[in-house]
Amino acid sequence: MTQAVEKISEIERKVKGKVIIGPLEDEIKQRFKQVSKNARIPGFRPGKAPMNIIEKQYGPDIRSEVYSRAIEAQFGQIVQDNKLNIVGMPQIQHDPLPEIKADFEFTATFEVIPEVKDIDYKKIQISQPEVKLSKKDIESTLMVMQKQRATFNKVDRAAKTGDRVHVKLESFIDGKSAESTGKETLNFVLGDKNRLEIFDKELIGLKANDLKDFEIYYPKDHKPEQLADKKVKYSVVVTAVDEMLMPELDAEFAKSLGIDDGNVEEMKKQIESSLTEEVEKRIKLKEKDQVFVELVKHAKFDVPKSVIDNESYRLMQQMTENLQRQGAKINDLKLEPSMFSDRAEQTARLRIVLAHLVDKEKLHATEEQVKSKIEEFSKSYDEPDQAVKWFYEKQERLNEPAALATEDNVVNFVMKSCKVTKEKVTFDELMGSNN
């Protein structure tokens, strides 16, 4: 007889069950017969050993196996009957199975998916970016495209912003060598927005074969963290200076961007259309990020430890694989799941609250929404029709577009109920870049 499910905490439950061994005896006897056919018992040919000897040698293991399956089956029935949404592996306790001779009880302690209480969406505030695309934004984008297609010509003069310099360098931290290019050279464009401005300024004015020593103090929030809050001394030799030669905004340039007739004005219109589309995507992404953060903040419930542990391990494995791809040796990595527990809890909390909202508010993606998402993905391929066909060839390929479409439904649902304020931002601020 199964006792009622005991509530230990908001996410922990305990239940007691009883296994009646009478109905299991036939199964145990069948297992003995199967084993006896191939059992190797000293003094007997295979299949000829007496059953009492078979039972004596293999009995404890066979009974343990059969009893374990009976426990699993009964626990599964308890879960089904009580409609329990368990997570992780249950902790099952019972007497040592090989020693059991009569009916026995077991207890199972386990975690369940927590109940998510209703969220007061009116307390959620979302800042919605408002961007007006300008002529300057289009011109800046064209400038980036020109730089991407630029050529370089070696010059015999001092380096200036926009030039590409070739250097050999060595860095020192606390008097010890930290990095060296050796015989190799690095080359980079001075003034590139992705580079450290204070470093590039030290190289402006240098010519080929010039040597310069200088120090840079990196702030506490600097990335990568290895240099944060450190003073680094550099010894740099400039080996060459190249001048950037950007292509003209003419018909040839337009053709290089896919404008068959080379119409420059048409090129600008298409760039404006692409930027408008990108702005819409970025706005939706920022809304989504804010909604997810707010849902995690306002959803009150305990996250099961087993869920956090599994997510911590997944994040650790992901980081390990990323570092290995970057050349790190696995023996040098000192990663532990506990390092990722905070992030894992936030990720798990979001996943639970999203599942709750989708189920409660019926926000699952429709076939049309999945189709729309697939068509959106396929635009980035050379042959969109083939890309769409590829998605529909296997059911599992629809999982990602379906999940993203469902997330969009959640965001739209929350946005209708929360407080939304408009915030005027520039195109560069939205894109997170000043290029």
Protein backbone atom coordinates (compact mmCIF):
# COMPACT_ATOMS: atom_id res chain seq x y z
CA MET A 1 0.00 0.00 0.00
CA THR A 2 1.31 3.43 -0.95
CA GLN A 3 1.17 6.15 1.65
CA ALA A 4 0.28 9.73 0.80
CA VAL A 5 3.02 11.90 -0.67
CA GLU A 6 4.73 13.81 2.14
CA LYS A 7 5.67 17.43 1.45
CA ILE A 8 9.10 18.11 2.94
CA SER A 9 9.53 21.56 1.37
CA GLU A 10 8.24 23.52 -1.61
CA ILE A 11 10.31 21.35 -3.93
CA GLU A 12 10.99 18.16 -1.92
CA ARG A 13 8.65 15.22 -1.54
CA LYS A 14 8.82 11.86 0.20
CA VAL A 15 6.77 8.74 -0.39
CA LYS A 16 6.71 5.22 1.04
CA GLY A 17 5.97 2.08 -0.94
CA LYS A 18 5.80 -1.66 -0.27
CA VAL A 19 6.99 -4.50 -2.51
CA ILE A 20 5.14 -7.81 -2.28
CA ILE A 21 7.64 -10.48 -3.29
CA GLY A 22 5.14 -13.31 -3.88
CA PRO A 23 4.25 -12.23 -7.43
CA LEU A 24 7.98 -11.88 -8.20
CA GLU A 25 8.90 -15.51 -7.47
CA ASP A 26 8.01 -16.75 -10.97
CA GLU A 27 10.24 -14.08 -12.52
CA ILE A 28 13.08 -15.03 -10.16
CA LYS A 29 12.73 -18.73 -11.09
CA GLN A 30 12.82 -17.87 -14.80
CA ARG A 31 16.00 -15.87 -14.26
CA PHE A 32 17.57 -18.88 -12.45
CA LYS A 33 16.71 -21.11 -15.43
CA GLN A 34 18.24 -18.62 -17.88
CA VAL A 35 21.43 -18.35 -15.84
CA SER A 36 21.72 -22.11 -15.35
CA LYS A 37 22.00 -22.68 -19.13
CA ASN A 38 25.36 -20.91 -19.33
CA ALA A 39 26.57 -20.87 -15.72
CA ARG A 40 30.07 -22.24 -15.22
CA ILE A 41 30.08 -24.18 -11.96
CA PRO A 42 33.22 -26.17 -11.06
CA GLY A 43 32.53 -29.92 -11.41
CA PHE A 44 29.49 -29.51 -13.66
CA ARG A 45 29.00 -29.12 -17.39
CA PRO A 46 27.19 -25.90 -18.53
CA GLY A 47 23.47 -26.31 -17.93
CA LYS A 48 23.85 -29.40 -15.71
CA ALA A 49 24.44 -27.79 -12.29
CA PRO A 50 21.67 -28.45 -9.69
CA MET A 51 19.27 -25.55 -9.18
CA ASN A 52 20.06 -25.30 -5.46
CA ILE A 53 23.71 -24.58 -6.32
CA ILE A 54 22.67 -22.03 -8.96
CA GLU A 55 20.44 -20.33 -6.41
CA LYS A 56 23.17 -20.29 -3.79
CA GLN A 57 25.73 -18.68 -6.15
CA TYR A 58 23.55 -16.35 -8.18
CA GLY A 59 20.52 -15.89 -5.91
CA PRO A 60 21.53 -12.61 -4.18
CA ASP A 61 22.34 -10.87 -7.49
CA ILE A 62 19.22 -12.11 -9.26
CA ARG A 63 16.90 -11.20 -6.38
CA SER A 64 18.52 -7.74 -6.10
CA GLU A 65 17.99 -7.21 -9.82
CA VAL A 66 14.34 -8.27 -9.75
CA TYR A 67 13.57 -6.33 -6.54
CA SER A 68 15.23 -3.19 -7.98
CA ARG A 69 13.02 -3.35 -11.06
CA ALA A 70 9.96 -3.84 -8.85
CA ILE A 71 10.89 -0.74 -6.84
CA GLU A 72 11.36 1.28 -10.03
CA ALA A 73 8.04 0.10 -11.43
CA GLN A 74 6.14 0.87 -8.23
CA PHE A 75 7.80 4.27 -7.86
CA GLY A 76 6.90 5.05 -11.46
CA GLN A 77 3.27 4.12 -10.71
CA ILE A 78 3.29 6.38 -7.64
CA VAL A 79 4.57 9.27 -9.77
CA GLN A 80 1.91 8.62 -12.39
CA ASP A 81 -0.96 8.23 -9.92
CA ASN A 82 -0.06 11.43 -8.08
CA LYS A 83 0.81 13.35 -11.28
CA LEU A 84 4.19 14.34 -9.90
CA ASN A 85 6.59 16.36 -12.07
CA ILE A 86 9.82 15.05 -10.59
CA VAL A 87 13.31 16.25 -11.52
CA GLY A 88 16.62 14.52 -11.00
CA MET A 89 17.09 11.05 -9.55
CA PRO A 90 15.11 9.99 -6.47
CA GLN A 91 16.97 8.93 -3.34
CA ILE A 92 15.55 5.48 -2.56
CA GLN A 93 16.17 3.75 0.76
CA HIS A 94 15.42 0.14 1.74
CA ASP A 95 16.97 -2.85 3.49
CA PRO A 96 19.89 -4.56 1.69
CA LEU A 97 18.17 -6.33 -1.21
CA PRO A 98 20.28 -9.57 -1.15
CA GLU A 99 19.20 -10.15 2.48
CA ILE A 100 15.45 -9.67 1.95
CA LYS A 101 13.31 -12.79 2.48
CA ALA A 102 9.82 -11.25 2.81
CA ASP A 103 7.71 -8.31 1.68
CA PHE A 104 9.58 -5.05 2.27
CA GLU A 105 9.04 -1.29 2.31
CA PHE A 106 11.07 1.45 0.66
CA THR A 107 11.05 5.25 0.89
CA ALA A 108 11.79 7.61 -1.99
CA THR A 109 12.83 11.22 -1.52
CA PHE A 110 12.86 13.40 -4.60
CA GLU A 111 12.50 16.92 -5.98
CA VAL A 112 9.64 18.23 -8.08
CA ILE A 113 9.23 21.11 -10.51
CA PRO A 114 8.33 24.08 -8.27
CA GLU A 115 5.00 25.83 -8.41
CA VAL A 116 5.45 29.28 -9.94
CA LYS A 117 3.20 31.84 -8.30
CA ASP A 118 1.39 34.42 -10.42
CA ILE A 119 3.58 37.35 -11.44
CA ASP A 120 2.38 40.93 -11.13
CA TYR A 121 3.34 42.12 -14.62
CA LYS A 122 2.42 45.71 -13.79
CA LYS A 123 5.52 45.86 -11.59
CA ILE A 124 7.73 45.00 -14.55
CA GLN A 125 9.26 47.98 -16.36
CA ILE A 126 10.71 47.62 -19.85
CA SER A 127 12.68 50.29 -21.67
CA GLN A 128 11.90 50.15 -25.39
CA PRO A 129 14.64 51.67 -27.61
CA GLU A 130 13.43 54.19 -30.17
CA VAL A 131 15.79 54.77 -33.09
CA LYS A 132 15.50 57.12 -36.04
CA LEU A 133 17.84 55.96 -38.80
CA SER A 134 19.75 58.94 -40.24
CA LYS A 135 21.68 59.63 -43.42
CA LYS A 136 24.83 59.71 -41.29
CA ASP A 137 24.17 56.14 -40.10
CA ILE A 138 24.00 54.95 -43.71
CA GLU A 139 27.19 56.80 -44.58
CA SER A 140 28.96 55.33 -41.55
CA THR A 141 27.89 51.83 -42.59
CA LEU A 142 29.19 52.47 -46.11
CA MET A 143 32.49 53.61 -44.59
CA VAL A 144 32.76 50.33 -42.66
CA MET A 145 32.11 48.40 -45.88
CA GLN A 146 34.80 50.42 -47.66
CA LYS A 147 37.29 49.64 -44.89
CA GLN A 148 36.45 45.95 -45.12
CA ARG A 149 37.37 46.04 -48.82
CA ALA A 150 40.38 48.32 -48.44
CA THR A 151 43.85 47.53 -49.74
CA PHE A 152 47.14 48.59 -48.16
CA ASN A 153 50.28 50.14 -49.61
CA LYS A 154 53.61 50.25 -47.79
CA VAL A 155 54.76 53.82 -47.05
CA ASP A 156 57.99 55.37 -45.75
CA ARG A 157 56.59 57.80 -43.19
CA ALA A 158 55.41 58.05 -39.60
CA ALA A 159 52.29 56.04 -38.74
CA LYS A 160 48.98 57.81 -38.23
CA THR A 161 45.43 56.84 -37.35
CA GLY A 162 44.00 54.59 -40.06
CA ASP A 163 47.35 53.08 -41.04
CA ARG A 164 48.17 49.41 -40.66
CA VAL A 165 51.32 48.79 -38.67
CA HIS A 166 53.45 45.64 -38.44
CA VAL A 167 55.13 45.20 -35.05
CA LYS A 168 57.17 42.86 -32.93
CA LEU A 169 56.56 43.23 -29.22
CA GLU A 170 57.29 41.88 -25.79
CA SER A 171 55.34 42.70 -22.64
CA PHE A 172 56.42 42.57 -19.00
CA ILE A 173 54.41 42.39 -15.78
CA ASP A 174 56.27 42.95 -12.49
CA GLY A 175 59.55 42.70 -14.40
CA LYS A 176 58.75 39.26 -15.85
CA SER A 177 58.10 38.55 -19.52
CA ALA A 178 54.36 38.03 -20.06
CA GLU A 179 54.02 37.88 -23.84
CA SER A 180 56.33 37.91 -26.84
CA THR A 181 55.78 37.68 -30.60
CA GLY A 182 59.28 36.24 -31.03
CA LYS A 183 60.27 36.34 -34.70
CA GLU A 184 56.66 36.73 -35.80
CA THR A 185 54.94 40.08 -36.38
CA LEU A 186 51.49 41.38 -35.50
CA ASN A 187 49.61 43.72 -37.79
CA PHE A 188 46.62 45.87 -36.96
CA VAL A 189 44.95 49.11 -37.98
CA LEU A 190 45.60 52.05 -35.66
CA GLY A 191 42.39 53.58 -34.33
CA ASP A 192 40.23 50.50 -34.93
CA LYS A 193 37.29 50.84 -32.52
CA ASN A 194 37.80 47.28 -31.31
CA ARG A 195 41.30 48.09 -30.12
CA LEU A 196 42.64 49.74 -26.97
CA GLU A 197 42.99 53.44 -27.77
CA ILE A 198 45.75 54.16 -25.25
CA PHE A 199 47.94 51.44 -26.83
CA ASP A 200 47.49 52.69 -30.40
CA LYS A 201 48.29 56.28 -29.39
CA GLU A 202 51.76 55.13 -28.31
CA LEU A 203 52.47 53.92 -31.86
CA ILE A 204 51.28 57.00 -33.74
CA GLY A 205 54.29 58.89 -35.10
CA LEU A 206 56.58 55.85 -35.29
CA LYS A 207 58.21 54.77 -38.56
CA ALA A 208 59.60 51.45 -39.78
CA ASN A 209 62.51 50.24 -37.57
CA ASP A 210 61.56 52.58 -34.70
CA LEU A 211 61.71 51.10 -31.18
CA LYS A 212 59.60 52.34 -28.28
CA ASP A 213 59.21 51.32 -24.64
CA PHE A 214 56.08 52.42 -22.75
CA GLU A 215 53.79 51.40 -19.89
CA ILE A 216 50.02 51.00 -19.77
CA TYR A 217 47.88 50.68 -16.65
CA TYR A 218 44.81 48.53 -17.27
CA PRO A 219 41.66 49.40 -15.25
CA LYS A 220 40.05 46.94 -12.83
CA ASP A 221 37.20 46.13 -15.22
CA HIS A 222 39.49 45.44 -18.19
CA LYS A 223 38.94 42.38 -20.36
CA PRO A 224 40.68 39.96 -20.49
CA GLU A 225 40.85 39.71 -16.71
CA GLN A 226 44.51 38.62 -16.75
CA LEU A 227 45.50 42.26 -17.38
CA ALA A 228 42.89 43.92 -15.14
CA ASP A 229 44.34 46.30 -12.53
CA LYS A 230 47.90 45.69 -13.76
CA LYS A 231 50.69 47.91 -15.08
CA VAL A 232 52.22 46.39 -18.21
CA LYS A 233 55.49 47.48 -19.81
CA TYR A 234 55.79 47.09 -23.59
CA SER A 235 58.83 47.02 -25.82
CA VAL A 236 57.68 47.51 -29.42
CA VAL A 237 59.54 47.54 -32.75
CA VAL A 238 57.66 48.81 -35.82
CA THR A 239 58.74 46.78 -38.86
CA ALA A 240 56.49 48.41 -41.48
CA VAL A 241 53.74 50.99 -42.00
CA ASP A 242 50.95 50.54 -44.58
CA GLU A 243 48.60 53.22 -45.82
CA MET A 244 44.93 52.26 -46.21
CA LEU A 245 43.51 52.72 -49.72
CA MET A 246 39.71 52.59 -49.66
CA PRO A 247 37.68 51.85 -52.79
CA GLU A 248 35.55 54.59 -54.35
CA LEU A 249 31.77 54.56 -53.90
CA ASP A 250 31.17 53.88 -57.56
CA ALA A 251 29.47 51.35 -59.83
CA GLU A 252 32.18 48.75 -59.28
CA PHE A 253 31.78 49.03 -55.53
CA ALA A 254 28.00 48.69 -55.87
CA LYS A 255 28.44 45.57 -58.02
CA SER A 256 30.70 44.07 -55.36
CA LEU A 257 27.73 44.35 -52.97
CA GLY A 258 25.38 42.51 -55.32
CA ILE A 259 23.86 45.45 -57.27
CA ASP A 260 24.02 43.99 -60.78
CA ASP A 261 23.64 47.29 -62.69
CA GLY A 262 26.05 49.15 -60.37
CA ASN A 263 23.42 51.75 -59.37
CA VAL A 264 24.93 53.55 -56.36
CA GLU A 265 21.60 55.03 -55.23
CA GLU A 266 19.99 51.60 -55.32
CA MET A 267 22.90 50.31 -53.23
CA LYS A 268 22.23 52.98 -50.61
CA LYS A 269 18.50 52.14 -50.57
CA GLN A 270 19.25 48.46 -49.99
CA ILE A 271 21.69 49.31 -47.20
CA GLU A 272 19.04 51.52 -45.59
CA SER A 273 16.50 48.68 -45.86
CA SER A 274 18.97 46.22 -44.29
CA LEU A 275 19.77 48.62 -41.46
CA THR A 276 16.07 49.20 -40.78
CA GLU A 277 15.57 45.45 -40.56
CA GLU A 278 18.58 45.10 -38.26
CA VAL A 279 17.30 47.90 -36.01
CA GLU A 280 13.99 46.07 -35.61
CA LYS A 281 15.82 42.86 -34.71
CA ARG A 282 18.02 44.62 -32.15
CA ILE A 283 15.05 46.32 -30.53
CA LYS A 284 13.23 43.00 -30.20
CA LEU A 285 16.38 41.38 -28.80
CA LYS A 286 16.80 44.10 -26.17
CA GLU A 287 13.13 43.78 -25.22
CA LYS A 288 13.54 40.02 -24.91
CA ASP A 289 16.66 40.33 -22.74
CA GLN A 290 14.88 42.75 -20.39
CA VAL A 291 11.72 40.63 -20.18
CA PHE A 292 13.74 37.54 -19.30
CA VAL A 293 15.72 39.38 -16.63
CA GLU A 294 12.52 40.77 -15.12
CA LEU A 295 10.75 37.41 -15.15
CA VAL A 296 13.63 35.85 -13.21
CA LYS A 297 13.56 38.76 -10.77
CA HIS A 298 9.80 38.66 -10.13
CA ALA A 299 9.19 34.90 -10.19
CA LYS A 300 9.42 33.60 -6.63
CA PHE A 301 10.16 29.90 -6.13
CA ASP A 302 12.91 27.55 -5.01
CA VAL A 303 14.98 25.96 -7.77
CA PRO A 304 15.61 22.20 -7.31
CA LYS A 305 19.23 21.45 -6.43
CA SER A 306 19.36 18.63 -9.00
CA VAL A 307 18.43 21.09 -11.76
CA ILE A 308 21.13 23.54 -10.67
CA ASP A 309 23.70 20.74 -10.46
CA ASN A 310 22.88 19.49 -13.97
CA GLU A 311 23.00 23.00 -15.42
CA SER A 312 26.29 23.77 -13.62
CA TYR A 313 27.84 20.65 -15.12
CA ARG A 314 26.55 21.55 -18.59
CA LEU A 315 28.00 25.06 -18.34
CA MET A 316 31.33 23.67 -17.14
CA GLN A 317 31.46 21.23 -20.08
CA GLN A 318 30.60 24.05 -22.48
CA MET A 319 33.39 26.24 -21.10
CA THR A 320 35.86 23.34 -21.24
CA GLU A 321 35.07 22.69 -24.91
CA ASN A 322 35.38 26.40 -25.75
CA LEU A 323 38.78 26.66 -24.04
CA GLN A 324 40.01 23.50 -25.77
CA ARG A 325 39.02 24.94 -29.15
CA GLN A 326 41.14 27.98 -28.24
CA GLY A 327 44.14 25.74 -27.62
CA ALA A 328 43.95 25.19 -23.87
CA LYS A 329 45.16 21.84 -22.56
CA ILE A 330 42.54 19.89 -20.63
CA ASN A 331 45.02 19.01 -17.84
CA ASP A 332 45.62 22.72 -17.23
CA LEU A 333 41.94 23.47 -16.74
CA LYS A 334 40.87 23.67 -13.12
CA LEU A 335 37.14 24.03 -13.65
CA GLU A 336 34.54 22.81 -11.17
CA PRO A 337 30.73 22.77 -11.54
CA SER A 338 30.44 24.91 -8.39
CA MET A 339 32.09 27.80 -10.29
CA PHE A 340 28.99 28.03 -12.46
CA SER A 341 26.28 27.53 -9.81
CA ASP A 342 25.07 31.16 -9.70
CA ARG A 343 24.69 31.39 -13.44
CA ALA A 344 23.19 27.90 -13.51
CA GLU A 345 20.52 28.88 -10.99
CA GLN A 346 19.52 31.94 -13.05
CA THR A 347 19.37 29.87 -16.24
CA ALA A 348 17.32 27.16 -14.55
CA ARG A 349 14.99 29.71 -12.97
CA LEU A 350 14.33 31.30 -16.37
CA ARG A 351 13.71 27.93 -18.01
CA ILE A 352 11.17 26.98 -15.32
CA VAL A 353 9.26 30.26 -15.43
CA LEU A 354 9.15 30.19 -19.24
CA ALA A 355 7.78 26.65 -19.23
CA HIS A 356 5.18 27.72 -16.65
CA LEU A 357 4.01 30.71 -18.70
CA VAL A 358 3.92 28.79 -21.96
CA ASP A 359 1.79 26.06 -20.38
CA LYS A 360 -0.50 28.32 -18.37
CA GLU A 361 -1.12 30.97 -21.04
CA LYS A 362 -1.07 28.56 -24.01
CA LEU A 363 1.86 30.34 -25.68
CA HIS A 364 3.23 27.44 -27.73
CA ALA A 365 4.35 28.45 -31.22
CA THR A 366 1.89 27.75 -34.01
CA GLU A 367 2.86 26.06 -37.28
CA GLU A 368 2.62 29.42 -39.04
CA GLN A 369 4.94 31.05 -36.50
CA VAL A 370 7.50 28.26 -36.89
CA LYS A 371 7.25 28.58 -40.68
CA SER A 372 7.78 32.33 -40.44
CA LYS A 373 10.85 31.85 -38.23
CA ILE A 374 12.31 29.31 -40.68
CA GLU A 375 11.77 31.67 -43.60
CA GLU A 376 13.51 34.40 -41.61
CA PHE A 377 16.50 32.10 -40.98
CA SER A 378 16.61 31.05 -44.63
CA LYS A 379 17.06 34.61 -45.92
CA SER A 380 20.72 34.47 -44.89
CA TYR A 381 21.40 31.48 -47.20
CA ASP A 382 22.32 31.66 -50.89
CA GLU A 383 19.40 29.37 -51.73
CA PRO A 384 16.56 30.17 -49.29
CA ASP A 385 14.19 27.57 -50.75
CA GLN A 386 16.73 24.79 -50.18
CA ALA A 387 17.30 26.02 -46.63
CA VAL A 388 13.56 25.87 -45.89
CA LYS A 389 13.43 22.35 -47.32
CA TRP A 390 16.37 21.32 -45.12
CA PHE A 391 14.57 22.42 -41.94
CA TYR A 392 11.48 20.36 -42.75
CA GLU A 393 13.41 17.21 -43.69
CA LYS A 394 13.80 16.22 -40.01
CA GLN A 395 11.46 16.93 -37.14
CA GLU A 396 14.28 17.76 -34.70
CA ARG A 397 15.45 20.60 -36.96
CA LEU A 398 12.22 22.43 -36.15
CA ASN A 399 13.05 22.53 -32.42
CA GLU A 400 15.15 25.70 -32.50
CA PRO A 401 12.78 27.83 -34.63
CA ALA A 402 9.84 26.52 -32.58
CA ALA A 403 11.58 27.43 -29.30
CA LEU A 404 12.46 30.92 -30.55
CA ALA A 405 8.93 31.52 -31.81
CA THR A 406 7.56 30.39 -28.44
CA GLU A 407 9.92 32.79 -26.66
CA ASP A 408 8.61 35.59 -28.88
CA ASN A 409 5.09 34.71 -27.73
CA VAL A 410 6.18 34.99 -24.09
CA VAL A 411 7.81 38.38 -24.70
CA ASN A 412 4.73 39.70 -26.51
CA PHE A 413 2.49 38.44 -23.72
CA VAL A 414 4.53 40.18 -21.02
CA MET A 415 4.94 43.38 -23.05
CA LYS A 416 1.15 43.75 -23.28
CA SER A 417 0.80 43.72 -19.48
CA CYS A 418 3.94 45.45 -18.17
CA LYS A 419 4.92 49.12 -18.10
CA VAL A 420 6.79 50.11 -21.26
CA THR A 421 8.71 53.38 -21.56
CA LYS A 422 10.22 54.70 -24.78
CA GLU A 423 13.90 55.59 -24.77
CA LYS A 424 15.43 57.50 -27.67
CA VAL A 425 18.85 56.10 -28.58
CA THR A 426 21.18 56.53 -31.52
CA PHE A 427 21.83 53.83 -34.07
CA ASP A 428 25.36 53.33 -32.70
CA GLU A 429 24.09 53.01 -29.13
CA LEU A 430 21.57 50.39 -30.20
CA MET A 431 24.15 48.41 -32.12
CA GLY A 432 26.65 48.70 -29.28
CA SER A 433 29.28 50.11 -31.61
CA ASN A 434 30.61 53.45 -32.76
CA ASN A 435 31.84 52.18 -36.10
